[in-house]
Amino acid sequence: MAAQMAAQWDDLKTVMQLVRGRSLAAAALALGVNYTTVARRVARAEEALGVTLFERLADGYHPTEAGETVARHAAEMEAQEFDLLRALGQQSSALSGRLVVTAPELLCSTLLPQVFDDFCTRHPDIELEVRAGTDMLDLNRREADLAIRVSDDPGNQLTGVRLAAQDTASFATQDWADRIAADPGAQIDWVVYSKPGAVPQASLENFPNARVKLRFNDMIAMAGAARAGLGVVRMPMFLGRTYSELVQVPVLAPQSYTDIWVVSHRDVWPTARVQAFRDCLVPYFKENRAIFVA
């Protein structure tokens, strides 16, 4: 009976994800299965419920009114499931099991490896999984236990602390720094974000002879271009100070940037594993606070 109920819940969750994602591929990605499994579960749900949940059209699966109703109730069941799991986790004091942390790739590739190493050394029985990326994983739906976010709005329904304030400035290789010092009026090449894709206006006021040489949609790629000597890049202070190939250049004065936070669902925040990770993370940022600001 339990196995049958589990299978039915899997089918209802699949219907919910298909309504959310509007395609077999999106639902399969959310569930971690292949698209044929999604199609099979939907067909099984329709057979069990005796209603048509989706219209199979040329451009994909379109939910019927019954499909929308099933998805809505499945979402409520999912929320109750997450509430239960968080409540049970809150009662656990074991420093073992799995901990999922999400953080931007920029931090994962520079500062956070030291925190990860410290945590794993202190707590070898905790299986740490790091999901690096800029996607705002849903902590209410337990897509991660803890999130490190660079954001002005890290989640007003979450519990958290600010790890560091940040500034940005302009960085380049020493060769570029020497050229700018020797001839401030010479042309300066910039590497910028694709959007807005322009030289910072504040720099043009004192160094108007500038051009955009390259545009990227990723800061790690921009930092790589700067380290290769391709031009000047505006970047967070900590990043420019991380790379030995880069020095701060005076073509753009330091400016305030978005804060770094660590956040979690309020029920997950006090759990032993999350507390143990914060005990490694927060002191590290406190000790290194000076590298983030001018």
Protein backbone atom coordinates (compact mmCIF):
# COMPACT_ATOMS: atom_id res chain seq x y z
CA MET A 1 0.00 0.00 0.00
CA ALA A 2 2.85 2.42 0.90
CA ALA A 3 4.59 1.78 -2.40
CA GLN A 4 1.34 2.41 -4.24
CA MET A 5 0.85 5.72 -2.41
CA ALA A 6 4.43 6.75 -3.17
CA ALA A 7 3.90 6.00 -6.84
CA GLN A 8 0.71 8.06 -6.85
CA TRP A 9 2.49 11.00 -5.23
CA ASP A 10 5.26 10.76 -7.81
CA ASP A 11 2.62 10.93 -10.52
CA LEU A 12 0.93 13.97 -8.95
CA LYS A 13 4.28 15.75 -8.59
CA THR A 14 4.98 15.00 -12.23
CA VAL A 15 1.68 16.57 -13.27
CA MET A 16 2.53 19.63 -11.16
CA GLN A 17 5.99 20.00 -12.73
CA LEU A 18 4.59 19.58 -16.23
CA VAL A 19 2.05 22.35 -15.57
CA ARG A 20 4.85 24.54 -14.22
CA GLY A 21 7.36 23.83 -16.96
CA ARG A 22 4.93 23.50 -19.88
CA SER A 23 7.12 20.85 -21.52
CA LEU A 24 8.22 17.25 -20.96
CA ALA A 25 11.85 18.38 -21.01
CA ALA A 26 11.36 21.03 -18.32
CA ALA A 27 9.43 18.65 -16.09
CA ALA A 28 12.04 15.93 -16.57
CA LEU A 29 14.82 18.34 -15.61
CA ALA A 30 13.00 19.46 -12.46
CA LEU A 31 12.33 15.86 -11.41
CA GLY A 32 15.70 14.40 -12.41
CA VAL A 33 14.17 11.81 -14.75
CA ASN A 34 13.90 11.41 -18.52
CA TYR A 35 11.00 12.76 -20.55
CA THR A 36 9.60 9.29 -21.28
CA THR A 37 9.19 8.77 -17.53
CA VAL A 38 7.28 12.06 -17.34
CA ALA A 39 4.94 10.98 -20.13
CA ARG A 40 4.41 7.57 -18.53
CA ARG A 41 3.60 9.07 -15.11
CA VAL A 42 1.14 11.56 -16.60
CA ALA A 43 -0.65 8.78 -18.46
CA ARG A 44 -0.78 6.71 -15.27
CA ALA A 45 -2.23 9.67 -13.32
CA GLU A 46 -4.90 10.20 -15.97
CA GLU A 47 -5.83 6.52 -15.87
CA ALA A 48 -6.00 6.48 -12.04
CA LEU A 49 -8.06 9.69 -11.84
CA GLY A 50 -10.22 8.96 -14.85
CA VAL A 51 -9.78 12.42 -16.37
CA THR A 52 -7.72 14.04 -19.12
CA LEU A 53 -5.08 16.26 -17.53
CA PHE A 54 -3.33 17.53 -20.66
CA GLU A 55 -4.14 18.15 -24.28
CA ARG A 56 -1.34 16.77 -26.48
CA LEU A 57 -0.86 19.45 -29.11
CA ALA A 58 1.82 20.05 -31.71
CA ASP A 59 3.53 22.65 -29.53
CA GLY A 60 3.49 20.56 -26.35
CA TYR A 61 1.34 19.56 -23.38
CA HIS A 62 -1.42 22.02 -22.45
CA PRO A 63 -3.10 21.45 -19.06
CA THR A 64 -6.85 21.07 -18.94
CA GLU A 65 -8.87 22.56 -16.10
CA ALA A 66 -8.52 19.20 -14.33
CA GLY A 67 -4.76 19.32 -14.85
CA GLU A 68 -4.56 22.79 -13.31
CA THR A 69 -6.62 21.57 -10.35
CA VAL A 70 -4.36 18.56 -9.77
CA ALA A 71 -1.25 20.76 -10.03
CA ARG A 72 -2.63 23.26 -7.53
CA HIS A 73 -3.44 20.60 -4.94
CA ALA A 74 -0.12 18.83 -5.57
CA ALA A 75 1.68 22.11 -4.85
CA GLU A 76 -0.14 22.35 -1.52
CA MET A 77 0.84 18.75 -0.72
CA GLU A 78 4.43 19.51 -1.70
CA ALA A 79 4.51 22.51 0.64
CA GLN A 80 3.24 20.34 3.49
CA GLU A 81 5.88 17.74 2.69
CA PHE A 82 8.63 20.38 2.88
CA ASP A 83 7.20 21.72 6.14
CA LEU A 84 7.32 18.23 7.62
CA LEU A 85 10.88 17.57 6.47
CA ARG A 86 12.08 20.92 7.82
CA ALA A 87 10.36 20.28 11.16
CA LEU A 88 11.99 16.87 11.43
CA GLY A 89 15.36 18.30 10.42
CA GLN A 90 15.06 21.00 13.05
CA GLN A 91 14.91 18.29 15.71
CA SER A 92 18.07 16.60 14.49
CA SER A 93 21.34 17.40 16.25
CA ALA A 94 23.40 14.91 14.26
CA LEU A 95 26.51 16.23 12.52
CA SER A 96 26.13 13.72 9.71
CA GLY A 97 24.14 13.30 6.53
CA ARG A 98 23.83 15.58 3.53
CA LEU A 99 24.11 19.38 3.39
CA VAL A 100 23.36 21.27 0.17
CA VAL A 101 24.86 24.75 -0.20
CA THR A 102 24.34 27.01 -3.19
CA ALA A 103 26.63 29.93 -4.03
CA PRO A 104 27.71 31.99 -7.05
CA GLU A 105 30.45 30.45 -9.17
CA LEU A 106 32.52 33.58 -8.63
CA LEU A 107 32.75 32.90 -4.90
CA CYS A 108 33.03 29.12 -5.33
CA SER A 109 36.09 29.55 -7.54
CA THR A 110 37.92 32.04 -5.32
CA LEU A 111 37.17 32.41 -1.60
CA LEU A 112 34.82 29.61 -0.63
CA PRO A 113 37.11 26.60 -1.28
CA GLN A 114 38.91 27.49 1.95
CA VAL A 115 35.61 27.43 3.82
CA PHE A 116 34.62 24.14 2.18
CA ASP A 117 37.94 22.57 3.14
CA ASP A 118 37.66 23.78 6.74
CA PHE A 119 34.10 22.47 7.02
CA CYS A 120 34.91 19.05 5.54
CA THR A 121 37.93 18.71 7.82
CA ARG A 122 35.89 19.54 10.92
CA HIS A 123 32.87 17.43 9.95
CA PRO A 124 33.93 14.41 7.87
CA ASP A 125 30.58 12.66 8.42
CA ILE A 126 28.63 15.43 6.68
CA GLU A 127 28.31 15.01 2.92
CA LEU A 128 28.68 18.51 1.49
CA GLU A 129 27.14 19.20 -1.92
CA VAL A 130 27.80 22.60 -3.49
CA ARG A 131 25.55 23.85 -6.28
CA ALA A 132 27.45 26.67 -7.95
CA GLY A 133 25.52 29.14 -10.07
CA THR A 134 23.56 32.37 -10.12
CA ASP A 135 20.10 30.77 -10.14
CA MET A 136 18.09 31.66 -7.01
CA LEU A 137 17.30 28.16 -5.79
CA ASP A 138 14.06 27.91 -3.84
CA LEU A 139 14.97 27.31 -0.21
CA ASN A 140 11.30 26.91 0.72
CA ARG A 141 11.14 23.91 -1.60
CA ARG A 142 14.43 22.54 -0.23
CA GLU A 143 16.36 22.91 -3.46
CA ALA A 144 19.21 23.79 -1.08
CA ASP A 145 19.67 23.99 2.68
CA LEU A 146 21.73 27.15 2.71
CA ALA A 147 22.38 29.88 0.14
CA ILE A 148 25.20 32.40 -0.18
CA ARG A 149 23.84 35.25 -2.27
CA VAL A 150 25.13 38.47 -3.75
CA SER A 151 21.88 40.36 -3.71
CA ASP A 152 20.01 43.45 -2.54
CA ASP A 153 17.07 41.14 -1.86
CA PRO A 154 18.41 37.81 -0.57
CA GLY A 155 14.93 36.67 0.44
CA ASN A 156 12.72 38.62 2.81
CA GLN A 157 10.97 35.46 4.00
CA LEU A 158 14.27 33.79 4.90
CA THR A 159 16.58 33.99 7.91
CA GLY A 160 20.15 35.15 7.34
CA VAL A 161 23.06 37.44 8.09
CA ARG A 162 25.10 39.81 5.96
CA LEU A 163 28.56 38.39 5.42
CA ALA A 164 30.19 41.41 3.82
CA ALA A 165 29.60 44.78 2.23
CA GLN A 166 31.33 45.19 -1.13
CA ASP A 167 32.94 47.78 -3.35
CA THR A 168 33.96 47.56 -7.00
CA ALA A 169 36.94 49.19 -8.72
CA SER A 170 38.92 48.97 -11.96
CA PHE A 171 41.65 46.34 -12.33
CA ALA A 172 44.16 45.44 -15.02
CA THR A 173 47.62 43.97 -15.41
CA GLN A 174 50.72 45.83 -14.22
CA ASP A 175 51.58 46.54 -17.86
CA TRP A 176 48.30 48.42 -18.28
CA ALA A 177 48.85 50.24 -14.99
CA ASP A 178 52.28 51.39 -16.17
CA ARG A 179 50.87 52.57 -19.52
CA ILE A 180 48.09 54.56 -17.85
CA ALA A 181 50.54 56.15 -15.41
CA ALA A 182 52.96 57.07 -18.21
CA ASP A 183 50.30 58.54 -20.52
CA PRO A 184 46.85 59.13 -18.96
CA GLY A 185 45.57 60.48 -22.27
CA ALA A 186 46.33 57.32 -24.25
CA GLN A 187 43.53 55.01 -25.32
CA ILE A 188 42.27 52.61 -22.67
CA ASP A 189 40.74 49.29 -23.68
CA TRP A 190 37.84 48.06 -21.58
CA VAL A 191 36.35 44.59 -21.08
CA VAL A 192 32.71 45.03 -20.04
CA TYR A 193 29.47 43.16 -19.37
CA SER A 194 27.27 42.57 -22.38
CA LYS A 195 24.60 44.72 -20.72
CA PRO A 196 24.84 47.67 -20.57
CA GLY A 197 28.02 47.02 -22.53
CA ALA A 198 29.59 50.45 -22.20
CA VAL A 199 32.58 52.05 -20.53
CA PRO A 200 31.52 53.25 -17.02
CA GLN A 201 30.45 56.87 -17.27
CA ALA A 202 32.36 57.78 -14.11
CA SER A 203 35.60 56.70 -15.81
CA LEU A 204 34.99 58.76 -18.94
CA GLU A 205 34.93 61.97 -16.93
CA ASN A 206 38.71 61.75 -16.35
CA PHE A 207 39.78 59.21 -18.96
CA PRO A 208 37.63 59.94 -22.03
CA ASN A 209 39.93 58.24 -24.53
CA ALA A 210 38.45 54.79 -24.02
CA ARG A 211 36.87 52.07 -26.10
CA VAL A 212 35.10 48.77 -25.47
CA LYS A 213 37.36 46.01 -26.71
CA LEU A 214 35.38 42.98 -25.54
CA ARG A 215 31.99 42.18 -24.04
CA PHE A 216 31.22 39.15 -21.89
CA ASN A 217 28.16 37.85 -20.06
CA ASP A 218 30.22 36.31 -17.25
CA MET A 219 32.53 37.88 -14.66
CA ILE A 220 34.86 34.88 -14.46
CA ALA A 221 35.46 35.21 -18.21
CA MET A 222 36.01 38.96 -17.82
CA ALA A 223 38.55 38.38 -15.07
CA GLY A 224 40.34 35.90 -17.33
CA ALA A 225 40.49 38.51 -20.09
CA ALA A 226 41.88 41.07 -17.66
CA ARG A 227 44.54 38.64 -16.45
CA ALA A 228 45.50 38.02 -20.07
CA GLY A 229 46.15 41.74 -20.49
CA LEU A 230 43.22 42.45 -22.80
CA GLY A 231 42.11 45.57 -20.96
CA VAL A 232 40.62 47.15 -17.86
CA VAL A 233 37.73 45.47 -16.02
CA ARG A 234 35.42 46.81 -13.35
CA MET A 235 35.04 44.03 -10.80
CA PRO A 236 34.39 43.42 -7.10
CA MET A 237 37.35 44.43 -4.94
CA PHE A 238 37.82 40.94 -3.54
CA LEU A 239 38.09 39.47 -7.02
CA GLY A 240 40.65 41.96 -8.27
CA ARG A 241 42.68 41.36 -5.12
CA THR A 242 42.45 37.59 -5.49
CA TYR A 243 44.48 37.42 -8.70
CA SER A 244 48.21 38.15 -8.44
CA GLU A 245 48.28 39.22 -12.11
CA LEU A 246 45.97 42.18 -11.45
CA VAL A 247 46.43 45.56 -9.80
CA GLN A 248 43.95 48.32 -9.13
CA VAL A 249 44.14 51.11 -11.70
CA PRO A 250 42.85 54.66 -11.08
CA VAL A 251 40.56 55.00 -14.08
CA LEU A 252 37.48 54.31 -11.95
CA ALA A 253 37.11 55.24 -8.29
CA PRO A 254 35.79 52.52 -5.94
CA GLN A 255 32.00 52.36 -5.82
CA SER A 256 29.52 50.58 -3.57
CA TYR A 257 28.35 47.17 -4.77
CA THR A 258 25.85 44.53 -3.71
CA ASP A 259 26.25 42.88 -0.29
CA ILE A 260 26.99 39.19 0.30
CA TRP A 261 24.52 37.27 2.46
CA VAL A 262 24.04 33.78 3.82
CA VAL A 263 20.38 32.76 4.13
CA SER A 264 18.23 29.75 4.87
CA HIS A 265 14.64 28.86 5.60
CA ARG A 266 13.82 29.83 9.19
CA ASP A 267 13.17 26.18 10.12
CA VAL A 268 16.46 25.01 8.63
CA TRP A 269 18.62 27.86 9.98
CA PRO A 270 19.05 26.42 13.53
CA THR A 271 19.75 22.82 12.46
CA ALA A 272 23.08 21.30 13.46
CA ARG A 273 24.52 20.90 9.96
CA VAL A 274 23.61 24.44 8.90
CA GLN A 275 24.92 25.87 12.15
CA ALA A 276 28.18 23.95 11.70
CA PHE A 277 28.65 25.38 8.21
CA ARG A 278 27.94 28.91 9.42
CA ASP A 279 30.52 28.41 12.15
CA CYS A 280 33.11 28.04 9.38
CA LEU A 281 31.67 30.59 6.97
CA VAL A 282 30.88 33.63 9.11
CA PRO A 283 34.25 33.90 10.93
CA TYR A 284 36.08 33.53 7.62
CA PHE A 285 34.25 36.48 6.10
CA LYS A 286 34.66 38.50 9.28
CA GLU A 287 38.42 37.91 9.29
CA ASN A 288 38.69 38.85 5.60
CA ARG A 289 36.20 41.71 5.56
CA ALA A 290 38.85 44.22 4.51
CA ILE A 291 39.41 42.61 1.11
CA PHE A 292 35.84 43.42 0.03
CA VAL A 293 35.96 47.18 0.42
CA ALA A 294 38.28 50.01 -0.60
